[in-house]
């Protein structure tokens, strides 16, 4: 990594400390900043205060498995790429993880070069630092986004928000720009994947 380039920050979660150390060493040798966690709860806590460019989690863990962690992470930070580590025979679960929002899955035992290649590919797809939705969007934008996802038209949202149609259209444009989508269809698709629809119901 060139000194002029941004140092990416990777979060690793695995209850197997031996595997954690192997991944940590491989990533640090590539010039990446790494934070290691043996439980999902600690990772979620740190995500609220630190910038993360890529999250890599084991699928099977006690207390909170990779699927549940993935769902929570995607509700906090929709654009954060997540790689899932899975053992032999867990392909159906890995496919389920991708439906929830995982970028890709990597099978154990880890092949070092394939692992690093997957990490580099994921980081390239992540154009910039990921921020939780609540930090990316203003309170007004969050409110308008929820109404869009509930099926309200621009005119109906304008009436509910006591604002002009033009103002709502401007907000909608800003929301899509911040979430990296170009149209309402893609906005709805991403919102479904990251479970934004459920944020206000929790």
C-alpha atoms as a PDB file:
ATOM      1  CA  UNK A   1       0.000   0.000   0.000  1.00  0.00           C
ATOM      2  CA  UNK A   2       1.375   3.396  -0.962  1.00  0.00           C
ATOM      3  CA  UNK A   3       1.834   5.945   1.775  1.00  0.00           C
ATOM      4  CA  UNK A   4      -0.496   8.351  -0.048  1.00  0.00           C
ATOM      5  CA  UNK A   5      -3.347   5.855  -0.023  1.00  0.00           C
ATOM      6  CA  UNK A   6      -5.972   5.669   2.698  1.00  0.00           C
ATOM      7  CA  UNK A   7      -5.402   2.825   5.155  1.00  0.00           C
ATOM      8  CA  UNK A   8      -8.501   0.647   5.145  1.00  0.00           C
ATOM      9  CA  UNK A   9      -9.913  -0.534   8.455  1.00  0.00           C
ATOM     10  CA  UNK A  10     -11.165  -4.135   8.597  1.00  0.00           C
ATOM     11  CA  UNK A  11     -13.237  -5.654  11.421  1.00  0.00           C
ATOM     12  CA  UNK A  12     -12.757  -9.419  12.022  1.00  0.00           C
ATOM     13  CA  UNK A  13     -15.197 -11.490  14.098  1.00  0.00           C
ATOM     14  CA  UNK A  14     -14.551 -15.162  14.931  1.00  0.00           C
ATOM     15  CA  UNK A  15     -14.843 -17.036  18.215  1.00  0.00           C
ATOM     16  CA  UNK A  16     -11.888 -19.221  17.142  1.00  0.00           C
ATOM     17  CA  UNK A  17      -8.864 -17.193  18.255  1.00  0.00           C
ATOM     18  CA  UNK A  18      -6.454 -19.273  16.132  1.00  0.00           C
ATOM     19  CA  UNK A  19      -8.364 -18.461  12.932  1.00  0.00           C
ATOM     20  CA  UNK A  20      -8.652 -14.850  14.060  1.00  0.00           C
ATOM     21  CA  UNK A  21      -4.870 -14.577  14.451  1.00  0.00           C
ATOM     22  CA  UNK A  22      -4.198 -16.114  11.025  1.00  0.00           C
ATOM     23  CA  UNK A  23      -6.572 -13.674   9.291  1.00  0.00           C
ATOM     24  CA  UNK A  24      -5.273 -10.730  11.315  1.00  0.00           C
ATOM     25  CA  UNK A  25      -1.655 -11.474  10.407  1.00  0.00           C
ATOM     26  CA  UNK A  26      -2.436 -11.905   6.697  1.00  0.00           C
ATOM     27  CA  UNK A  27      -4.348  -8.608   6.523  1.00  0.00           C
ATOM     28  CA  UNK A  28      -1.791  -6.606   8.495  1.00  0.00           C
ATOM     29  CA  UNK A  29       0.935  -7.862   6.151  1.00  0.00           C
ATOM     30  CA  UNK A  30      -1.060  -6.260   3.343  1.00  0.00           C
ATOM     31  CA  UNK A  31      -0.971  -2.923   5.151  1.00  0.00           C
ATOM     32  CA  UNK A  32      -4.519  -2.994   6.471  1.00  0.00           C
ATOM     33  CA  UNK A  33      -5.642  -1.780   9.891  1.00  0.00           C
ATOM     34  CA  UNK A  34      -7.424  -4.619  11.690  1.00  0.00           C
ATOM     35  CA  UNK A  35      -9.707  -4.799  14.727  1.00  0.00           C
ATOM     36  CA  UNK A  36     -10.412  -8.307  16.060  1.00  0.00           C
ATOM     37  CA  UNK A  37     -13.452  -9.466  18.028  1.00  0.00           C
ATOM     38  CA  UNK A  38     -14.407 -12.855  19.466  1.00  0.00           C
ATOM     39  CA  UNK A  39     -18.069 -11.943  19.919  1.00  0.00           C
ATOM     40  CA  UNK A  40     -20.606 -10.052  17.810  1.00  0.00           C
ATOM     41  CA  UNK A  41     -21.760  -7.749  20.621  1.00  0.00           C
ATOM     42  CA  UNK A  42     -18.306  -6.195  21.023  1.00  0.00           C
ATOM     43  CA  UNK A  43     -18.099  -5.642  17.272  1.00  0.00           C
ATOM     44  CA  UNK A  44     -21.485  -3.882  17.130  1.00  0.00           C
ATOM     45  CA  UNK A  45     -20.486  -1.618  20.011  1.00  0.00           C
ATOM     46  CA  UNK A  46     -17.261  -0.591  18.252  1.00  0.00           C
ATOM     47  CA  UNK A  47     -19.065  -0.021  14.935  1.00  0.00           C
ATOM     48  CA  UNK A  48     -21.000   2.816  16.557  1.00  0.00           C
ATOM     49  CA  UNK A  49     -17.822   4.773  17.268  1.00  0.00           C
ATOM     50  CA  UNK A  50     -15.251   3.745  14.652  1.00  0.00           C
ATOM     51  CA  UNK A  51     -15.125   3.863  10.866  1.00  0.00           C
ATOM     52  CA  UNK A  52     -15.062   0.432   9.235  1.00  0.00           C
ATOM     53  CA  UNK A  53     -14.411  -0.278   5.540  1.00  0.00           C
ATOM     54  CA  UNK A  54     -15.018  -4.044   5.570  1.00  0.00           C
ATOM     55  CA  UNK A  55     -16.454  -6.499   8.060  1.00  0.00           C
ATOM     56  CA  UNK A  56     -15.515 -10.197   8.004  1.00  0.00           C
ATOM     57  CA  UNK A  57     -17.502 -12.529  10.248  1.00  0.00           C
ATOM     58  CA  UNK A  58     -17.669 -16.226  10.965  1.00  0.00           C
ATOM     59  CA  UNK A  59     -21.091 -17.764  10.316  1.00  0.00           C
ATOM     60  CA  UNK A  60     -21.368 -19.983  13.388  1.00  0.00           C
ATOM     61  CA  UNK A  61     -20.779 -18.251  16.712  1.00  0.00           C
ATOM     62  CA  UNK A  62     -22.315 -18.548  20.192  1.00  0.00           C
ATOM     63  CA  UNK A  63     -24.858 -15.994  21.443  1.00  0.00           C
ATOM     64  CA  UNK A  64     -25.237 -14.188  18.096  1.00  0.00           C
ATOM     65  CA  UNK A  65     -24.477 -15.979  14.823  1.00  0.00           C
ATOM     66  CA  UNK A  66     -23.211 -14.394  11.619  1.00  0.00           C
ATOM     67  CA  UNK A  67     -26.692 -14.078  10.088  1.00  0.00           C
ATOM     68  CA  UNK A  68     -28.073 -12.092  13.029  1.00  0.00           C
ATOM     69  CA  UNK A  69     -24.941  -9.953  13.181  1.00  0.00           C
ATOM     70  CA  UNK A  70     -25.175  -9.285   9.446  1.00  0.00           C
ATOM     71  CA  UNK A  71     -28.797  -8.153   9.731  1.00  0.00           C
ATOM     72  CA  UNK A  72     -27.951  -5.751  12.572  1.00  0.00           C
ATOM     73  CA  UNK A  73     -24.888  -4.382  10.768  1.00  0.00           C
ATOM     74  CA  UNK A  74     -26.876  -3.780   7.574  1.00  0.00           C
ATOM     75  CA  UNK A  75     -29.550  -1.881   9.505  1.00  0.00           C
ATOM     76  CA  UNK A  76     -26.827   0.343  11.004  1.00  0.00           C
ATOM     77  CA  UNK A  77     -24.556   0.752   7.962  1.00  0.00           C
ATOM     78  CA  UNK A  78     -26.279  -0.260   4.704  1.00  0.00           C
ATOM     79  CA  UNK A  79     -23.279   0.223   2.423  1.00  0.00           C
ATOM     80  CA  UNK A  80     -20.732  -1.630   4.579  1.00  0.00           C
ATOM     81  CA  UNK A  81     -19.454  -4.684   2.654  1.00  0.00           C
ATOM     82  CA  UNK A  82     -19.546  -7.921   4.678  1.00  0.00           C
ATOM     83  CA  UNK A  83     -17.717 -11.169   3.960  1.00  0.00           C
ATOM     84  CA  UNK A  84     -18.912 -14.335   5.699  1.00  0.00           C
ATOM     85  CA  UNK A  85     -16.568 -17.170   6.713  1.00  0.00           C
ATOM     86  CA  UNK A  86     -18.258 -20.570   6.624  1.00  0.00           C
ATOM     87  CA  UNK A  87     -17.250 -24.140   7.358  1.00  0.00           C
ATOM     88  CA  UNK A  88     -17.684 -27.123   5.059  1.00  0.00           C
ATOM     89  CA  UNK A  89     -21.325 -28.075   4.538  1.00  0.00           C
ATOM     90  CA  UNK A  90     -22.731 -24.667   5.448  1.00  0.00           C
ATOM     91  CA  UNK A  91     -23.434 -23.557   1.884  1.00  0.00           C
ATOM     92  CA  UNK A  92     -27.238 -23.174   2.397  1.00  0.00           C
ATOM     93  CA  UNK A  93     -26.561 -20.926   5.383  1.00  0.00           C
ATOM     94  CA  UNK A  94     -23.998 -18.951   3.370  1.00  0.00           C
ATOM     95  CA  UNK A  95     -26.550 -18.432   0.595  1.00  0.00           C
ATOM     96  CA  UNK A  96     -29.004 -17.199   3.233  1.00  0.00           C
ATOM     97  CA  UNK A  97     -26.339 -14.766   4.447  1.00  0.00           C
ATOM     98  CA  UNK A  98     -25.980 -13.355   0.937  1.00  0.00           C
ATOM     99  CA  UNK A  99     -29.739 -12.854   0.740  1.00  0.00           C
ATOM    100  CA  UNK A 100     -29.547 -10.872   3.985  1.00  0.00           C
ATOM    101  CA  UNK A 101     -26.825  -8.687   2.509  1.00  0.00           C
ATOM    102  CA  UNK A 102     -23.411 -10.408   2.601  1.00  0.00           C
ATOM    103  CA  UNK A 103     -21.166  -9.502  -0.320  1.00  0.00           C
ATOM    104  CA  UNK A 104     -19.615 -12.967  -0.563  1.00  0.00           C
ATOM    105  CA  UNK A 105     -18.665 -15.993   1.522  1.00  0.00           C
ATOM    106  CA  UNK A 106     -15.346 -17.760   2.015  1.00  0.00           C
ATOM    107  CA  UNK A 107     -15.051 -21.412   2.994  1.00  0.00           C
ATOM    108  CA  UNK A 108     -12.829 -22.866   5.703  1.00  0.00           C
ATOM    109  CA  UNK A 109     -10.088 -23.973   5.734  1.00  0.00           C
ATOM    110  CA  UNK A 110      -9.001 -20.576   4.457  1.00  0.00           C
ATOM    111  CA  UNK A 111      -6.849 -20.362   1.370  1.00  0.00           C
ATOM    112  CA  UNK A 112      -4.616 -17.358   2.087  1.00  0.00           C
ATOM    113  CA  UNK A 113      -4.440 -15.986  -1.448  1.00  0.00           C
ATOM    114  CA  UNK A 114      -8.151 -16.489  -2.141  1.00  0.00           C
ATOM    115  CA  UNK A 115      -8.958 -14.862   1.203  1.00  0.00           C
ATOM    116  CA  UNK A 116      -6.800 -11.808   0.455  1.00  0.00           C
ATOM    117  CA  UNK A 117      -8.158 -11.577  -3.084  1.00  0.00           C
ATOM    118  CA  UNK A 118     -11.731 -11.570  -1.735  1.00  0.00           C
ATOM    119  CA  UNK A 119     -10.829  -8.860   0.765  1.00  0.00           C
ATOM    120  CA  UNK A 120      -9.212  -6.638  -1.872  1.00  0.00           C
ATOM    121  CA  UNK A 121     -12.187  -7.089  -4.190  1.00  0.00           C
ATOM    122  CA  UNK A 122     -14.613  -6.127  -1.403  1.00  0.00           C
ATOM    123  CA  UNK A 123     -12.590  -3.028  -0.502  1.00  0.00           C
ATOM    124  CA  UNK A 124     -12.560  -1.870  -4.121  1.00  0.00           C
ATOM    125  CA  UNK A 125     -16.356  -2.003  -4.170  1.00  0.00           C
ATOM    126  CA  UNK A 126     -16.462   0.170  -1.076  1.00  0.00           C
ATOM    127  CA  UNK A 127     -15.766   3.643  -2.493  1.00  0.00           C
ATOM    128  CA  UNK A 128     -15.558   5.456   0.837  1.00  0.00           C
ATOM    129  CA  UNK A 129     -15.921   5.143   4.590  1.00  0.00           C
ATOM    130  CA  UNK A 130     -19.280   3.739   5.630  1.00  0.00           C
ATOM    131  CA  UNK A 131     -21.389   5.606   8.138  1.00  0.00           C
ATOM    132  CA  UNK A 132     -24.512   4.413   9.964  1.00  0.00           C
ATOM    133  CA  UNK A 133     -27.718   5.486   8.213  1.00  0.00           C
ATOM    134  CA  UNK A 134     -28.670   7.650  11.168  1.00  0.00           C
ATOM    135  CA  UNK A 135     -25.433   9.615  10.675  1.00  0.00           C
ATOM    136  CA  UNK A 136     -25.619   9.762   6.873  1.00  0.00           C
ATOM    137  CA  UNK A 137     -29.211  11.007   6.691  1.00  0.00           C
ATOM    138  CA  UNK A 138     -30.727  13.944   8.542  1.00  0.00           C
ATOM    139  CA  UNK A 139     -33.799  13.377  10.728  1.00  0.00           C
ATOM    140  CA  UNK A 140     -35.996  14.876   8.007  1.00  0.00           C
ATOM    141  CA  UNK A 141     -34.445  12.621   5.353  1.00  0.00           C
ATOM    142  CA  UNK A 142     -34.940   9.549   7.561  1.00  0.00           C
ATOM    143  CA  UNK A 143     -38.592  10.493   8.015  1.00  0.00           C
ATOM    144  CA  UNK A 144     -39.103  11.009   4.282  1.00  0.00           C
ATOM    145  CA  UNK A 145     -37.274   7.758   3.478  1.00  0.00           C
ATOM    146  CA  UNK A 146     -39.575   5.802   5.773  1.00  0.00           C
ATOM    147  CA  UNK A 147     -42.622   7.363   4.105  1.00  0.00           C
ATOM    148  CA  UNK A 148     -41.236   6.522   0.650  1.00  0.00           C
ATOM    149  CA  UNK A 149     -40.747   2.915   1.749  1.00  0.00           C
ATOM    150  CA  UNK A 150     -44.293   2.821   3.117  1.00  0.00           C
ATOM    151  CA  UNK A 151     -45.571   3.704  -0.356  1.00  0.00           C
ATOM    152  CA  UNK A 152     -46.559   7.333   0.051  1.00  0.00           C
ATOM    153  CA  UNK A 153     -46.405   9.499  -3.078  1.00  0.00           C
ATOM    154  CA  UNK A 154     -44.333  12.682  -3.242  1.00  0.00           C
ATOM    155  CA  UNK A 155     -47.511  14.785  -2.932  1.00  0.00           C
ATOM    156  CA  UNK A 156     -48.690  12.798   0.102  1.00  0.00           C
ATOM    157  CA  UNK A 157     -45.285  13.134   1.781  1.00  0.00           C
ATOM    158  CA  UNK A 158     -45.289  16.889   1.075  1.00  0.00           C
ATOM    159  CA  UNK A 159     -48.674  17.159   2.799  1.00  0.00           C
ATOM    160  CA  UNK A 160     -47.568  15.045   5.787  1.00  0.00           C
ATOM    161  CA  UNK A 161     -44.299  16.947   6.140  1.00  0.00           C
ATOM    162  CA  UNK A 162     -45.960  20.351   5.590  1.00  0.00           C
ATOM    163  CA  UNK A 163     -43.488  21.111   2.808  1.00  0.00           C
ATOM    164  CA  UNK A 164     -43.645  21.776  -0.926  1.00  0.00           C
ATOM    165  CA  UNK A 165     -43.498  18.974  -3.496  1.00  0.00           C
ATOM    166  CA  UNK A 166     -40.264  20.481  -4.856  1.00  0.00           C
ATOM    167  CA  UNK A 167     -38.671  20.346  -1.402  1.00  0.00           C
ATOM    168  CA  UNK A 168     -39.593  16.672  -1.006  1.00  0.00           C
ATOM    169  CA  UNK A 169     -38.185  15.914  -4.453  1.00  0.00           C
ATOM    170  CA  UNK A 170     -34.919  17.614  -3.445  1.00  0.00           C
ATOM    171  CA  UNK A 171     -34.770  15.564  -0.254  1.00  0.00           C
ATOM    172  CA  UNK A 172     -35.462  12.378  -2.219  1.00  0.00           C
ATOM    173  CA  UNK A 173     -32.590  13.199  -4.565  1.00  0.00           C
ATOM    174  CA  UNK A 174     -30.235  13.758  -1.605  1.00  0.00           C
ATOM    175  CA  UNK A 175     -31.324  10.500   0.035  1.00  0.00           C
ATOM    176  CA  UNK A 176     -30.653   8.460  -3.114  1.00  0.00           C
ATOM    177  CA  UNK A 177     -27.280  10.176  -3.605  1.00  0.00           C
ATOM    178  CA  UNK A 178     -26.220   9.437  -0.022  1.00  0.00           C
ATOM    179  CA  UNK A 179     -27.282   5.780  -0.262  1.00  0.00           C
ATOM    180  CA  UNK A 180     -25.657   5.329  -3.667  1.00  0.00           C
ATOM    181  CA  UNK A 181     -28.755   4.546  -5.742  1.00  0.00           C
ATOM    182  CA  UNK A 182     -30.094   6.195  -8.906  1.00  0.00           C
ATOM    183  CA  UNK A 183     -33.835   5.511  -8.762  1.00  0.00           C
ATOM    184  CA  UNK A 184     -36.679   4.584  -6.442  1.00  0.00           C
ATOM    185  CA  UNK A 185     -36.640   0.937  -7.516  1.00  0.00           C
ATOM    186  CA  UNK A 186     -32.998   0.541  -6.430  1.00  0.00           C
ATOM    187  CA  UNK A 187     -33.730   2.503  -3.257  1.00  0.00           C
ATOM    188  CA  UNK A 188     -36.498   0.078  -2.321  1.00  0.00           C
ATOM    189  CA  UNK A 189     -34.307  -2.922  -3.192  1.00  0.00           C
ATOM    190  CA  UNK A 190     -31.444  -1.710  -1.010  1.00  0.00           C
ATOM    191  CA  UNK A 191     -33.798  -0.767   1.788  1.00  0.00           C
ATOM    192  CA  UNK A 192     -35.240  -4.300   1.729  1.00  0.00           C
ATOM    193  CA  UNK A 193     -31.775  -5.856   1.823  1.00  0.00           C
ATOM    194  CA  UNK A 194     -30.555  -3.733   4.732  1.00  0.00           C
ATOM    195  CA  UNK A 195     -33.950  -3.862   6.492  1.00  0.00           C
ATOM    196  CA  UNK A 196     -34.366  -0.092   6.616  1.00  0.00           C
ATOM    197  CA  UNK A 197     -38.093  -0.669   6.557  1.00  0.00           C
ATOM    198  CA  UNK A 198     -37.854  -2.148  10.057  1.00  0.00           C
ATOM    199  CA  UNK A 199     -35.742   0.589  11.651  1.00  0.00           C
ATOM    200  CA  UNK A 200     -38.660   2.625  12.964  1.00  0.00           C
ATOM    201  CA  UNK A 201     -40.425  -0.480  14.264  1.00  0.00           C
ATOM    202  CA  UNK A 202     -37.631  -1.608  16.608  1.00  0.00           C
END
